[in-house]
Protein backbone atom coordinates (compact mmCIF):
# COMPACT_ATOMS: atom_id res chain seq x y z
CA MET A 1 84.67 142.26 141.41
CA SER A 2 82.06 140.28 143.38
CA ALA A 3 81.20 136.61 142.33
CA THR A 4 78.02 137.92 140.93
CA GLY A 5 76.94 140.41 138.04
CA GLU A 6 79.78 141.01 135.59
CA TYR A 7 80.87 137.15 136.29
CA ALA A 8 77.63 135.50 135.70
CA ALA A 9 77.09 137.77 132.24
CA THR A 10 80.90 136.47 131.00
CA ILE A 11 79.80 133.04 132.15
CA GLU A 12 76.72 132.55 130.42
CA GLU A 13 77.93 134.41 127.16
CA ALA A 14 80.57 131.77 127.01
CA LEU A 15 78.14 128.96 127.47
CA LEU A 16 75.96 130.23 124.94
CA GLU A 17 78.76 130.89 122.73
CA GLY A 18 78.79 127.22 121.21
CA ALA A 19 75.64 126.21 119.36
CA SER A 20 75.28 122.87 121.40
CA ILE A 21 74.03 124.79 124.42
CA ARG A 22 70.64 126.07 124.39
CA ARG A 23 69.71 127.95 127.45
CA VAL A 24 71.64 128.14 131.00
CA ILE A 25 68.89 126.67 133.32
CA GLU A 26 70.80 127.39 136.65
CA MET A 27 73.69 128.89 137.42
CA GLN A 28 75.79 129.28 141.34
CA LEU A 29 78.94 131.38 141.54
CA ALA A 30 80.87 131.45 144.83
CA ASN A 31 84.62 132.50 145.60
CA SER A 32 87.18 130.78 147.83
CA GLY A 33 90.18 133.06 147.92
CA ASP A 34 91.33 134.05 144.37
CA THR A 35 89.05 131.31 143.14
CA LEU A 36 86.28 131.44 141.19
CA ILE A 37 83.94 127.97 141.60
CA VAL A 38 81.16 127.76 138.61
CA GLY A 39 78.14 125.73 138.79
CA ALA A 40 75.79 125.70 135.83
CA LYS A 41 72.95 123.25 134.65
CA VAL A 42 72.96 123.59 130.83
CA ASP A 43 70.39 122.62 128.08
CA LEU A 44 71.08 120.19 125.75
CA ALA A 45 69.29 118.25 123.09
CA ALA A 46 68.01 115.19 124.19
CA GLU A 47 68.98 113.20 121.45
CA LEU A 48 73.01 113.76 122.05
CA THR A 49 75.14 110.77 122.68
CA MET A 50 76.88 110.18 126.05
CA LYS A 51 80.39 111.17 123.82
CA GLU A 52 78.77 114.38 122.47
CA VAL A 53 77.37 115.58 125.57
CA SER A 54 80.65 115.31 127.39
CA THR A 55 82.84 116.92 124.15
CA ILE A 56 80.37 119.98 124.29
CA LEU A 57 80.74 120.19 128.39
CA LEU A 58 84.50 120.18 127.81
CA GLN A 59 84.52 122.61 125.10
CA ALA A 60 82.27 125.03 127.32
CA LYS A 61 84.54 125.01 130.17
CA ARG A 62 87.35 125.85 128.36
CA ARG A 63 85.77 128.61 127.12
CA VAL A 64 84.62 129.70 130.35
CA GLN A 65 88.33 129.27 131.71
CA GLU A 66 89.38 131.28 128.90
CA ALA A 67 86.60 134.26 129.35
CA LEU A 68 87.55 134.20 133.08
CA PRO A 69 90.87 132.75 134.16
CA GLU A 70 90.03 133.09 137.84
CA ALA A 71 87.33 130.39 137.46
CA LYS A 72 89.66 127.50 138.27
CA ILE A 73 86.42 125.03 138.96
CA VAL A 74 84.02 124.54 136.82
CA TYR A 75 80.94 122.05 137.06
CA LEU A 76 78.77 121.40 134.26
CA GLU A 77 75.39 119.65 134.66
CA PRO A 78 73.54 118.40 131.36
CA ASP A 79 70.28 118.52 131.20
CA VAL A 80 67.04 119.16 128.81
CA TRP A 81 65.03 122.26 129.75
CA LEU A 82 61.23 121.77 130.20
CA ASP A 83 59.16 125.19 130.15
CA PRO A 84 57.26 125.14 133.54
CA ASP A 85 54.06 126.95 131.69
CA ALA A 86 53.76 124.22 128.83
CA THR A 87 50.99 122.14 129.28
CA PRO A 88 51.68 118.57 129.76
CA PRO A 89 50.57 115.97 127.39
CA THR A 90 47.66 113.78 128.31
CA THR A 91 47.98 110.07 129.05
CA SER A 92 46.48 109.43 126.10
CA SER A 93 48.78 110.73 123.80
CA ILE A 94 51.16 109.05 125.27
CA VAL A 95 50.08 105.58 126.06
CA MET A 96 48.42 103.07 123.46
CA LEU A 97 44.97 102.26 125.26
CA GLY A 98 44.05 98.37 124.85
CA LEU A 99 40.96 96.98 123.59
CA ASP A 100 40.06 94.81 126.08
């Protein structure tokens, strides 16, 4: 089996199994001999604490390695997904205007 296709689907399923990861934003896979290397950027809620983020990522890494024992190297990067098609807010909706 190559480092694509079924691997990617299995990894994404394992990552999304935890309710805290809302989306896999990006994923890169590579083979080095018998070792599968996984790199993924995952969407987490912006209000999580660093301790919560660390716990969520450790649990996700374990789920990936349980699903694919050949995934010996797993790098997960937390991020907050922004819809590229969403209209950004206007400056006036974010910044309070002065009266002077």
